[in-house]
């Protein structure tokens, strides 16, 4: 099971909004069909639903299978289609279905299309003029070099707008990072040595993690959960994070006077990560901000 995000690049923000509204309307139609025909939905066994086939007919598309990530309640698809400037993002839920034919549908509606996925994330090139480019470069370099175990100041700009509680989340981040480091290193805890290879090893790990958490007083469980979500939504993929089916992402940062250029920046969740990152750059004083795939 994996996720995909289809990116549509339009000529104007207005065109992006119009196409996004149309896409969302079609998605609602599919979700409604599954909701209104639960027994028929169960019997599809991977075949496309009548709602999907109707959309395929309307746009002359080849629709070969049911998109199971749309067999959900309507409230679960409210963030499926989002817009930032003249870019549209259509993000699936966890699924075995491919991006097709939603990529073709977006193309038929008039957008230029690219697909980002778990195993093949797209790189983004960003260029901006800013008063202190080295400060920005250092923050991003540190984050990437430490595999995300460093401050992520753009996490408070999800959806391109600053979170009203941004100061609180940023103040809690150092404690969160320290807790995360301890959790990541829990396998090396001396108390685990006698339990290695034994059936209760995992239970002992959980007990040690509970103890680590109880020994700090800054974070509540709900704080950790929210910070997990915020940082995951805005995460930049580390240069070292790749697998045989995931290409290496050699992100680079260059500075020329007051211009900073970031190449091949890849986000774990591009629909939330890219807008947050761009909004943070603007909040830091960036202007003449340009971004493109590549």
Foldseek 3Di string as FASTA:
>chain_A
DWKKKKKFFAPWLVLQVVLLVVVVVLLVQQLVVCVVCVVVVVVCVFADDPSVVVLCVVLVFDDGTHWVQSPDDPVVCPVQWDDDTRMIIGMGDDTPDDCPPVQVVSVSSPTDIDMAIQQEFFFKKKKWFADCQVVVVVQVVVCQVVQNLGDDLLLQQFVLRGNPCSVVLNVCSVVLSVLVVCLVCLVVDPVLVVVPPHPCSVVVSVVVSVVSVVVDDRDDPVSNVVNVVSCLLQDWGHQPDHDPSHDGQPWDWDDDPRMIMIIRTGHSNCNGRVSSVVSVCVVNPIPPMDMDTD
